[in-house]
Amino acid sequence: MTFNHRALRGLIVTKGFTERDVAKKIGLTKETFSKKMNSKSMFNVDEIAKLTDLLNIDCNDIYKYFLVRE
């Protein structure tokens, strides 16, 4: 299953982070985070929770950032 993470990419930039920054803050390598952002691998629940905390994503908006299909 392929997901579109364009909204998540945009939010990362809006919050003043790079993908490398975010990866490090949630305990992933840049390479692993990149695979997840490009739908080569899926974010797990723990990673989504860390990202929602870091980026202040409202729980009602999680689907907008993680569950939009290509």
Protein backbone atom coordinates (compact mmCIF):
# COMPACT_ATOMS: atom_id res chain seq x y z
CA MET A 1 0.00 0.00 0.00
CA THR A 2 1.37 3.42 -0.97
CA PHE A 3 0.67 6.56 1.02
CA ASN A 4 1.18 10.20 0.11
CA HIS A 5 3.16 12.08 2.76
CA ARG A 6 3.26 15.48 1.00
CA ALA A 7 1.27 17.11 3.81
CA LEU A 8 3.70 15.69 6.37
CA ARG A 9 6.67 16.98 4.36
CA GLY A 10 5.08 20.41 4.21
CA LEU A 11 4.41 20.43 7.95
CA ILE A 12 8.01 19.46 8.69
CA VAL A 13 9.24 22.44 6.66
CA THR A 14 6.63 24.78 8.18
CA LYS A 15 7.80 23.82 11.67
CA GLY A 16 11.39 24.66 10.69
CA PHE A 17 12.77 21.13 10.65
CA THR A 18 14.57 19.07 8.05
CA GLU A 19 13.74 15.41 7.53
CA ARG A 20 17.14 14.60 9.03
CA ASP A 21 16.23 16.61 12.18
CA VAL A 22 12.91 14.84 12.54
CA ALA A 23 14.41 11.40 11.95
CA LYS A 24 16.96 11.97 14.69
CA LYS A 25 14.37 13.33 17.13
CA ILE A 26 12.17 10.25 16.76
CA GLY A 27 15.05 7.78 16.85
CA LEU A 28 15.38 6.82 13.18
CA THR A 29 18.21 7.13 10.72
CA LYS A 30 17.72 9.55 7.84
CA GLU A 31 17.66 6.57 5.47
CA THR A 32 14.92 4.75 7.39
CA PHE A 33 12.86 7.92 7.70
CA SER A 34 13.25 8.54 3.97
CA LYS A 35 11.96 5.03 3.20
CA LYS A 36 8.90 5.68 5.32
CA MET A 37 8.28 9.09 3.74
CA ASN A 38 8.52 7.46 0.29
CA SER A 39 6.19 4.56 1.24
CA LYS A 40 8.93 1.93 0.92
CA SER A 41 8.17 1.12 4.56
CA MET A 42 5.31 2.10 6.86
CA PHE A 43 5.37 4.25 9.98
CA ASN A 44 4.48 2.24 13.07
CA VAL A 45 2.17 3.47 15.83
CA ASP A 46 5.06 4.51 18.09
CA GLU A 47 6.66 6.57 15.31
CA ILE A 48 3.34 8.22 14.48
CA ALA A 49 2.86 9.09 18.18
CA LYS A 50 6.35 10.63 18.34
CA LEU A 51 5.73 12.62 15.16
CA THR A 52 2.35 13.90 16.34
CA ASP A 53 3.97 15.10 19.58
CA LEU A 54 6.97 16.67 17.85
CA LEU A 55 4.94 18.40 15.14
CA ASN A 56 1.88 19.18 17.30
CA ILE A 57 -0.49 17.24 15.06
CA ASP A 58 -4.01 17.06 16.47
CA CYS A 59 -5.19 13.47 16.91
CA ASN A 60 -8.19 14.26 14.69
CA ASP A 61 -5.81 15.16 11.85
CA ILE A 62 -3.52 12.10 11.93
CA TYR A 63 -5.15 10.64 8.83
CA LYS A 64 -4.27 13.79 6.83
CA TYR A 65 -0.56 13.19 7.40
CA PHE A 66 -0.24 9.41 7.49
CA LEU A 67 -3.20 7.74 5.75
CA VAL A 68 -3.71 9.51 2.41
CA ARG A 69 -3.37 6.93 -0.34
CA GLU A 70 -1.60 7.64 -3.60
